[in-house]
């Protein structure tokens, strides 16, 4: 039997606004994601609620952004609320064409002003096999990032035995590529772009290698970075996608 394919993407959507918050772009972003058509989407900076934006923008989605983006395309969603404020909250989300068996948002906050979480889902692939998926948005500060990667590694070692199919994707804020040593080697992961992660920030002309897709138990067939027009009008980050193969 030939290998089965899996199409995934990760995207820091900047809470549905363009770079420097000039324009609300969540409707255009939804159409672009639908055109890309991944099976599983890892999203960061997802606005679960913002009463101020809802008041100022007549076309602000009535539902939380992850549900608005997923509507009629990705029937399964999970949201990890991380940053909470008086007028709302935001965090990470996973959208999936396949059933989400369970989800857990692991709090890895180390600085009170910078709340962070790791959203972990087990997703049932079409053959019934569970795929562990983790959506991350790590700290802006190196010491905190290292601690968060340590916590993620320890967490996954307990629940996902070696060889278990695994995808970790998101905004690592890891411009020095420390994740290769702190995370990938320890968990037996492969970065879909190879030894050197791709540049993904800023979206208009990427200079910094902040976003990643790491996989285990899956074969990388193709990986792409989506930057420049029209992507650069949607967010300050480029989107990454990968087509993967696994034995069905």
C-alpha atoms as a PDB file:
ATOM      1  CA  UNK A   1       0.000   0.000   0.000  1.00  0.00           C
ATOM      2  CA  UNK A   2       1.435   3.441  -0.931  1.00  0.00           C
ATOM      3  CA  UNK A   3       2.130   5.957   1.871  1.00  0.00           C
ATOM      4  CA  UNK A   4      -0.679   8.292   2.911  1.00  0.00           C
ATOM      5  CA  UNK A   5      -0.173  12.052   2.691  1.00  0.00           C
ATOM      6  CA  UNK A   6      -0.694  14.774   5.276  1.00  0.00           C
ATOM      7  CA  UNK A   7      -0.643  18.522   4.588  1.00  0.00           C
ATOM      8  CA  UNK A   8       0.072  20.813   7.556  1.00  0.00           C
ATOM      9  CA  UNK A   9       0.684  24.536   8.072  1.00  0.00           C
ATOM     10  CA  UNK A  10       1.718  26.883  10.854  1.00  0.00           C
ATOM     11  CA  UNK A  11       0.996  30.591  11.022  1.00  0.00           C
ATOM     12  CA  UNK A  12       1.327  33.394  13.557  1.00  0.00           C
ATOM     13  CA  UNK A  13      -1.761  35.375  12.535  1.00  0.00           C
ATOM     14  CA  UNK A  14      -0.967  38.514  14.598  1.00  0.00           C
ATOM     15  CA  UNK A  15      -4.498  38.502  16.084  1.00  0.00           C
ATOM     16  CA  UNK A  16      -6.019  39.018  12.659  1.00  0.00           C
ATOM     17  CA  UNK A  17      -4.243  42.291  11.873  1.00  0.00           C
ATOM     18  CA  UNK A  18      -1.616  43.313   9.324  1.00  0.00           C
ATOM     19  CA  UNK A  19       1.904  44.367  10.341  1.00  0.00           C
ATOM     20  CA  UNK A  20       1.881  47.351  12.738  1.00  0.00           C
ATOM     21  CA  UNK A  21      -1.885  46.714  13.209  1.00  0.00           C
ATOM     22  CA  UNK A  22      -2.738  48.903  10.249  1.00  0.00           C
ATOM     23  CA  UNK A  23      -5.715  46.868   8.997  1.00  0.00           C
ATOM     24  CA  UNK A  24      -7.961  44.091  10.223  1.00  0.00           C
ATOM     25  CA  UNK A  25      -7.257  41.149   7.884  1.00  0.00           C
ATOM     26  CA  UNK A  26      -9.005  38.184   9.481  1.00  0.00           C
ATOM     27  CA  UNK A  27     -11.483  37.745   6.596  1.00  0.00           C
ATOM     28  CA  UNK A  28      -8.721  37.800   3.957  1.00  0.00           C
ATOM     29  CA  UNK A  29      -6.643  35.502   6.150  1.00  0.00           C
ATOM     30  CA  UNK A  30      -9.474  32.966   6.268  1.00  0.00           C
ATOM     31  CA  UNK A  31      -9.692  32.870   2.469  1.00  0.00           C
ATOM     32  CA  UNK A  32      -5.924  32.489   2.100  1.00  0.00           C
ATOM     33  CA  UNK A  33      -5.847  29.564   4.555  1.00  0.00           C
ATOM     34  CA  UNK A  34      -8.711  27.921   2.693  1.00  0.00           C
ATOM     35  CA  UNK A  35      -6.851  28.285  -0.587  1.00  0.00           C
ATOM     36  CA  UNK A  36      -3.779  26.676   1.005  1.00  0.00           C
ATOM     37  CA  UNK A  37      -6.075  23.882   2.275  1.00  0.00           C
ATOM     38  CA  UNK A  38      -3.920  22.072   4.878  1.00  0.00           C
ATOM     39  CA  UNK A  39      -5.318  19.122   6.801  1.00  0.00           C
ATOM     40  CA  UNK A  40      -4.041  20.463  10.133  1.00  0.00           C
ATOM     41  CA  UNK A  41      -3.320  24.126  10.949  1.00  0.00           C
ATOM     42  CA  UNK A  42      -1.198  25.344  13.871  1.00  0.00           C
ATOM     43  CA  UNK A  43      -2.043  28.979  14.732  1.00  0.00           C
ATOM     44  CA  UNK A  44      -0.445  31.439  17.120  1.00  0.00           C
ATOM     45  CA  UNK A  45      -1.698  34.811  18.417  1.00  0.00           C
ATOM     46  CA  UNK A  46      -5.313  33.780  17.947  1.00  0.00           C
ATOM     47  CA  UNK A  47      -7.834  36.208  19.418  1.00  0.00           C
ATOM     48  CA  UNK A  48     -10.357  34.270  21.470  1.00  0.00           C
ATOM     49  CA  UNK A  49     -12.135  37.450  22.565  1.00  0.00           C
ATOM     50  CA  UNK A  50     -11.550  41.193  22.185  1.00  0.00           C
ATOM     51  CA  UNK A  51     -14.478  43.415  23.122  1.00  0.00           C
ATOM     52  CA  UNK A  52     -12.686  46.564  21.945  1.00  0.00           C
ATOM     53  CA  UNK A  53     -12.113  45.263  18.421  1.00  0.00           C
ATOM     54  CA  UNK A  54     -15.663  43.939  18.297  1.00  0.00           C
ATOM     55  CA  UNK A  55     -16.951  47.426  19.153  1.00  0.00           C
ATOM     56  CA  UNK A  56     -14.704  49.306  16.705  1.00  0.00           C
ATOM     57  CA  UNK A  57     -14.963  46.986  13.684  1.00  0.00           C
ATOM     58  CA  UNK A  58     -18.480  46.289  12.316  1.00  0.00           C
ATOM     59  CA  UNK A  59     -17.233  43.177  10.478  1.00  0.00           C
ATOM     60  CA  UNK A  60     -15.319  41.736  13.457  1.00  0.00           C
ATOM     61  CA  UNK A  61     -16.231  38.021  13.660  1.00  0.00           C
ATOM     62  CA  UNK A  62     -18.896  37.259  16.229  1.00  0.00           C
ATOM     63  CA  UNK A  63     -17.221  33.971  17.101  1.00  0.00           C
ATOM     64  CA  UNK A  64     -13.698  33.360  18.420  1.00  0.00           C
ATOM     65  CA  UNK A  65     -11.104  33.603  15.651  1.00  0.00           C
ATOM     66  CA  UNK A  66     -10.205  29.906  15.624  1.00  0.00           C
ATOM     67  CA  UNK A  67     -13.843  28.920  15.145  1.00  0.00           C
ATOM     68  CA  UNK A  68     -14.370  31.650  12.536  1.00  0.00           C
ATOM     69  CA  UNK A  69     -11.341  30.481  10.560  1.00  0.00           C
ATOM     70  CA  UNK A  70     -12.307  26.802  10.853  1.00  0.00           C
ATOM     71  CA  UNK A  71     -15.975  27.152   9.898  1.00  0.00           C
ATOM     72  CA  UNK A  72     -17.153  24.568   7.309  1.00  0.00           C
ATOM     73  CA  UNK A  73     -13.572  23.415   6.531  1.00  0.00           C
ATOM     74  CA  UNK A  74     -11.875  22.146   9.694  1.00  0.00           C
ATOM     75  CA  UNK A  75     -14.543  20.460  11.846  1.00  0.00           C
ATOM     76  CA  UNK A  76     -12.261  19.883  14.856  1.00  0.00           C
ATOM     77  CA  UNK A  77     -10.649  22.746  16.768  1.00  0.00           C
ATOM     78  CA  UNK A  78      -8.773  23.295  20.016  1.00  0.00           C
ATOM     79  CA  UNK A  79      -7.834  26.608  21.635  1.00  0.00           C
ATOM     80  CA  UNK A  80      -5.342  27.299  24.399  1.00  0.00           C
ATOM     81  CA  UNK A  81      -6.064  30.556  26.227  1.00  0.00           C
ATOM     82  CA  UNK A  82      -2.764  32.092  27.356  1.00  0.00           C
ATOM     83  CA  UNK A  83      -2.837  35.878  27.662  1.00  0.00           C
ATOM     84  CA  UNK A  84      -5.899  37.175  29.523  1.00  0.00           C
ATOM     85  CA  UNK A  85      -6.830  40.848  29.955  1.00  0.00           C
ATOM     86  CA  UNK A  86      -9.879  42.890  30.949  1.00  0.00           C
ATOM     87  CA  UNK A  87     -11.309  43.068  27.417  1.00  0.00           C
ATOM     88  CA  UNK A  88     -10.418  39.599  26.148  1.00  0.00           C
ATOM     89  CA  UNK A  89      -7.773  36.918  25.663  1.00  0.00           C
ATOM     90  CA  UNK A  90      -5.578  35.290  23.018  1.00  0.00           C
ATOM     91  CA  UNK A  91      -3.526  32.125  22.625  1.00  0.00           C
ATOM     92  CA  UNK A  92      -2.748  29.201  20.312  1.00  0.00           C
ATOM     93  CA  UNK A  93      -5.132  27.059  18.271  1.00  0.00           C
ATOM     94  CA  UNK A  94      -5.148  23.876  16.196  1.00  0.00           C
ATOM     95  CA  UNK A  95      -7.651  23.302  13.384  1.00  0.00           C
ATOM     96  CA  UNK A  96      -8.060  19.803  11.958  1.00  0.00           C
ATOM     97  CA  UNK A  97      -9.971  17.965   9.236  1.00  0.00           C
ATOM     98  CA  UNK A  98      -9.584  14.848  11.401  1.00  0.00           C
ATOM     99  CA  UNK A  99     -11.043  14.212  14.876  1.00  0.00           C
ATOM    100  CA  UNK A 100      -9.214  15.658  17.878  1.00  0.00           C
ATOM    101  CA  UNK A 101      -9.185  12.889  20.451  1.00  0.00           C
ATOM    102  CA  UNK A 102      -8.152  15.135  23.339  1.00  0.00           C
ATOM    103  CA  UNK A 103      -6.353  18.416  23.996  1.00  0.00           C
ATOM    104  CA  UNK A 104      -4.351  20.011  26.788  1.00  0.00           C
ATOM    105  CA  UNK A 105      -2.884  23.502  27.182  1.00  0.00           C
ATOM    106  CA  UNK A 106       0.332  23.254  29.201  1.00  0.00           C
ATOM    107  CA  UNK A 107       1.143  26.502  31.034  1.00  0.00           C
ATOM    108  CA  UNK A 108       4.874  27.262  30.610  1.00  0.00           C
ATOM    109  CA  UNK A 109       4.825  30.883  31.791  1.00  0.00           C
ATOM    110  CA  UNK A 110       8.038  32.124  33.396  1.00  0.00           C
ATOM    111  CA  UNK A 111       7.524  35.876  33.191  1.00  0.00           C
ATOM    112  CA  UNK A 112       4.275  37.345  34.537  1.00  0.00           C
ATOM    113  CA  UNK A 113       3.978  39.873  31.701  1.00  0.00           C
ATOM    114  CA  UNK A 114       4.507  37.191  29.023  1.00  0.00           C
ATOM    115  CA  UNK A 115       2.112  34.302  29.514  1.00  0.00           C
ATOM    116  CA  UNK A 116       2.855  31.265  27.336  1.00  0.00           C
ATOM    117  CA  UNK A 117       1.265  27.870  26.770  1.00  0.00           C
ATOM    118  CA  UNK A 118       1.906  24.728  24.718  1.00  0.00           C
ATOM    119  CA  UNK A 119      -1.268  23.397  23.108  1.00  0.00           C
ATOM    120  CA  UNK A 120      -1.108  19.610  22.733  1.00  0.00           C
ATOM    121  CA  UNK A 121      -3.681  17.573  20.796  1.00  0.00           C
ATOM    122  CA  UNK A 122      -3.947  13.920  19.848  1.00  0.00           C
ATOM    123  CA  UNK A 123      -5.478  13.759  16.395  1.00  0.00           C
ATOM    124  CA  UNK A 124      -6.899  10.575  14.839  1.00  0.00           C
ATOM    125  CA  UNK A 125      -5.444  10.082  11.359  1.00  0.00           C
ATOM    126  CA  UNK A 126      -7.686   8.428   8.739  1.00  0.00           C
ATOM    127  CA  UNK A 127      -6.202   5.006   9.547  1.00  0.00           C
ATOM    128  CA  UNK A 128      -7.098   5.509  13.226  1.00  0.00           C
ATOM    129  CA  UNK A 129      -3.516   6.064  14.367  1.00  0.00           C
ATOM    130  CA  UNK A 130      -3.083   8.969  16.839  1.00  0.00           C
ATOM    131  CA  UNK A 131      -0.801  11.830  15.819  1.00  0.00           C
ATOM    132  CA  UNK A 132       0.581  14.013  18.600  1.00  0.00           C
ATOM    133  CA  UNK A 133       0.438  17.705  17.613  1.00  0.00           C
ATOM    134  CA  UNK A 134       1.861  20.583  19.657  1.00  0.00           C
ATOM    135  CA  UNK A 135       1.342  24.247  18.790  1.00  0.00           C
ATOM    136  CA  UNK A 136       3.926  26.522  20.399  1.00  0.00           C
ATOM    137  CA  UNK A 137       4.630  30.213  20.782  1.00  0.00           C
ATOM    138  CA  UNK A 138       7.785  30.537  22.845  1.00  0.00           C
ATOM    139  CA  UNK A 139       9.191  33.422  24.840  1.00  0.00           C
ATOM    140  CA  UNK A 140      10.985  36.444  23.403  1.00  0.00           C
ATOM    141  CA  UNK A 141      13.742  35.840  25.962  1.00  0.00           C
ATOM    142  CA  UNK A 142      16.408  33.166  25.541  1.00  0.00           C
ATOM    143  CA  UNK A 143      16.464  31.853  29.101  1.00  0.00           C
ATOM    144  CA  UNK A 144      12.693  31.446  29.169  1.00  0.00           C
ATOM    145  CA  UNK A 145      12.720  29.736  25.754  1.00  0.00           C
ATOM    146  CA  UNK A 146      15.249  27.181  26.968  1.00  0.00           C
ATOM    147  CA  UNK A 147      13.140  26.428  30.039  1.00  0.00           C
ATOM    148  CA  UNK A 148      10.011  26.099  27.892  1.00  0.00           C
ATOM    149  CA  UNK A 149      11.728  23.675  25.519  1.00  0.00           C
ATOM    150  CA  UNK A 150      12.929  21.673  28.510  1.00  0.00           C
ATOM    151  CA  UNK A 151       9.380  21.497  29.868  1.00  0.00           C
ATOM    152  CA  UNK A 152       7.993  20.521  26.468  1.00  0.00           C
ATOM    153  CA  UNK A 153      10.579  17.758  26.067  1.00  0.00           C
ATOM    154  CA  UNK A 154       9.875  16.362  29.515  1.00  0.00           C
ATOM    155  CA  UNK A 155       6.124  16.490  28.941  1.00  0.00           C
ATOM    156  CA  UNK A 156       6.308  14.672  25.604  1.00  0.00           C
ATOM    157  CA  UNK A 157       8.734  12.042  26.887  1.00  0.00           C
ATOM    158  CA  UNK A 158       6.059  11.015  29.399  1.00  0.00           C
ATOM    159  CA  UNK A 159       3.118  10.766  26.970  1.00  0.00           C
ATOM    160  CA  UNK A 160       4.602  10.121  23.498  1.00  0.00           C
ATOM    161  CA  UNK A 161       7.065   7.175  23.475  1.00  0.00           C
ATOM    162  CA  UNK A 162      10.025   7.285  21.029  1.00  0.00           C
ATOM    163  CA  UNK A 163       8.876   6.681  17.471  1.00  0.00           C
ATOM    164  CA  UNK A 164       5.338   7.890  18.109  1.00  0.00           C
ATOM    165  CA  UNK A 165       4.261  10.180  15.223  1.00  0.00           C
ATOM    166  CA  UNK A 166       4.692  13.776  16.369  1.00  0.00           C
ATOM    167  CA  UNK A 167       4.471  17.312  14.942  1.00  0.00           C
ATOM    168  CA  UNK A 168       5.619  20.400  16.836  1.00  0.00           C
ATOM    169  CA  UNK A 169       4.985  23.650  14.998  1.00  0.00           C
ATOM    170  CA  UNK A 170       4.696  27.352  15.673  1.00  0.00           C
ATOM    171  CA  UNK A 171       6.553  30.548  16.467  1.00  0.00           C
ATOM    172  CA  UNK A 172       9.713  29.577  18.349  1.00  0.00           C
ATOM    173  CA  UNK A 173      11.207  33.099  18.470  1.00  0.00           C
ATOM    174  CA  UNK A 174      14.433  31.119  18.139  1.00  0.00           C
ATOM    175  CA  UNK A 175      16.580  33.226  15.818  1.00  0.00           C
ATOM    176  CA  UNK A 176      19.774  31.529  17.083  1.00  0.00           C
ATOM    177  CA  UNK A 177      18.416  28.039  16.307  1.00  0.00           C
ATOM    178  CA  UNK A 178      18.895  26.683  19.819  1.00  0.00           C
ATOM    179  CA  UNK A 179      15.880  24.394  19.387  1.00  0.00           C
ATOM    180  CA  UNK A 180      18.019  22.016  17.312  1.00  0.00           C
ATOM    181  CA  UNK A 181      20.007  21.076  20.419  1.00  0.00           C
ATOM    182  CA  UNK A 182      17.432  21.658  23.170  1.00  0.00           C
ATOM    183  CA  UNK A 183      14.457  20.001  21.528  1.00  0.00           C
ATOM    184  CA  UNK A 184      15.034  18.236  18.195  1.00  0.00           C
ATOM    185  CA  UNK A 185      17.965  16.022  19.204  1.00  0.00           C
ATOM    186  CA  UNK A 186      16.368  15.014  22.475  1.00  0.00           C
ATOM    187  CA  UNK A 187      13.034  14.005  20.926  1.00  0.00           C
ATOM    188  CA  UNK A 188      14.365  12.633  17.623  1.00  0.00           C
ATOM    189  CA  UNK A 189      12.766  15.357  15.501  1.00  0.00           C
ATOM    190  CA  UNK A 190      13.455  16.535  11.961  1.00  0.00           C
ATOM    191  CA  UNK A 191      12.911  20.130  10.872  1.00  0.00           C
ATOM    192  CA  UNK A 192      11.021  20.088   7.583  1.00  0.00           C
ATOM    193  CA  UNK A 193      13.401  22.563   5.892  1.00  0.00           C
ATOM    194  CA  UNK A 194      16.527  20.648   6.869  1.00  0.00           C
ATOM    195  CA  UNK A 195      19.505  21.587   9.019  1.00  0.00           C
ATOM    196  CA  UNK A 196      18.857  25.325   8.784  1.00  0.00           C
ATOM    197  CA  UNK A 197      15.306  26.581   9.427  1.00  0.00           C
ATOM    198  CA  UNK A 198      13.812  28.933   6.862  1.00  0.00           C
ATOM    199  CA  UNK A 199      13.543  32.712   7.304  1.00  0.00           C
ATOM    200  CA  UNK A 200       9.969  33.675   8.213  1.00  0.00           C
ATOM    201  CA  UNK A 201       9.955  37.188   9.725  1.00  0.00           C
ATOM    202  CA  UNK A 202       9.015  39.822   8.695  1.00  0.00           C
ATOM    203  CA  UNK A 203       6.591  38.506   6.088  1.00  0.00           C
ATOM    204  CA  UNK A 204       7.369  41.124   3.425  1.00  0.00           C
ATOM    205  CA  UNK A 205      11.061  40.159   3.233  1.00  0.00           C
ATOM    206  CA  UNK A 206      11.957  37.510   5.816  1.00  0.00           C
ATOM    207  CA  UNK A 207      15.277  37.933   7.648  1.00  0.00           C
ATOM    208  CA  UNK A 208      14.822  35.974  10.892  1.00  0.00           C
ATOM    209  CA  UNK A 209      14.271  32.225  11.345  1.00  0.00           C
ATOM    210  CA  UNK A 210      11.507  32.310  13.964  1.00  0.00           C
ATOM    211  CA  UNK A 211       8.889  29.796  12.819  1.00  0.00           C
ATOM    212  CA  UNK A 212       9.378  26.024  12.629  1.00  0.00           C
ATOM    213  CA  UNK A 213       7.798  22.694  11.835  1.00  0.00           C
ATOM    214  CA  UNK A 214       9.434  19.679  13.516  1.00  0.00           C
ATOM    215  CA  UNK A 215       8.260  16.138  12.744  1.00  0.00           C
ATOM    216  CA  UNK A 216       8.913  12.569  13.890  1.00  0.00           C
ATOM    217  CA  UNK A 217       7.647   9.362  12.349  1.00  0.00           C
ATOM    218  CA  UNK A 218       6.703  11.198   9.153  1.00  0.00           C
ATOM    219  CA  UNK A 219       8.544  11.642   5.866  1.00  0.00           C
ATOM    220  CA  UNK A 220       8.937  15.157   4.481  1.00  0.00           C
ATOM    221  CA  UNK A 221       7.922  15.342   0.827  1.00  0.00           C
ATOM    222  CA  UNK A 222       7.841  19.126   0.395  1.00  0.00           C
ATOM    223  CA  UNK A 223       8.106  22.278   2.538  1.00  0.00           C
ATOM    224  CA  UNK A 224       7.231  25.857   1.628  1.00  0.00           C
ATOM    225  CA  UNK A 225       7.447  29.322   3.151  1.00  0.00           C
ATOM    226  CA  UNK A 226       4.648  31.683   2.129  1.00  0.00           C
ATOM    227  CA  UNK A 227       5.850  35.283   2.173  1.00  0.00           C
ATOM    228  CA  UNK A 228       5.515  38.449   0.128  1.00  0.00           C
ATOM    229  CA  UNK A 229       2.182  39.482  -1.461  1.00  0.00           C
ATOM    230  CA  UNK A 230      -0.523  38.536  -0.663  1.00  0.00           C
ATOM    231  CA  UNK A 231       0.733  36.887   2.557  1.00  0.00           C
ATOM    232  CA  UNK A 232       2.657  39.938   3.752  1.00  0.00           C
ATOM    233  CA  UNK A 233      -0.587  41.940   3.901  1.00  0.00           C
ATOM    234  CA  UNK A 234      -2.141  39.469   6.349  1.00  0.00           C
ATOM    235  CA  UNK A 235       0.356  39.212   9.221  1.00  0.00           C
ATOM    236  CA  UNK A 236       3.889  40.162  10.236  1.00  0.00           C
ATOM    237  CA  UNK A 237       4.979  36.490   9.984  1.00  0.00           C
ATOM    238  CA  UNK A 238       5.186  34.277   6.924  1.00  0.00           C
ATOM    239  CA  UNK A 239       3.217  31.039   6.952  1.00  0.00           C
ATOM    240  CA  UNK A 240       4.997  27.671   6.654  1.00  0.00           C
ATOM    241  CA  UNK A 241       3.532  24.508   5.179  1.00  0.00           C
ATOM    242  CA  UNK A 242       4.726  20.946   4.624  1.00  0.00           C
ATOM    243  CA  UNK A 243       3.474  17.889   2.794  1.00  0.00           C
ATOM    244  CA  UNK A 244       4.265  14.738   4.719  1.00  0.00           C
ATOM    245  CA  UNK A 245       4.008  11.008   4.090  1.00  0.00           C
ATOM    246  CA  UNK A 246       3.315   8.173   6.530  1.00  0.00           C
ATOM    247  CA  UNK A 247       2.748   4.446   6.215  1.00  0.00           C
ATOM    248  CA  UNK A 248      -0.998   3.822   6.192  1.00  0.00           C
END
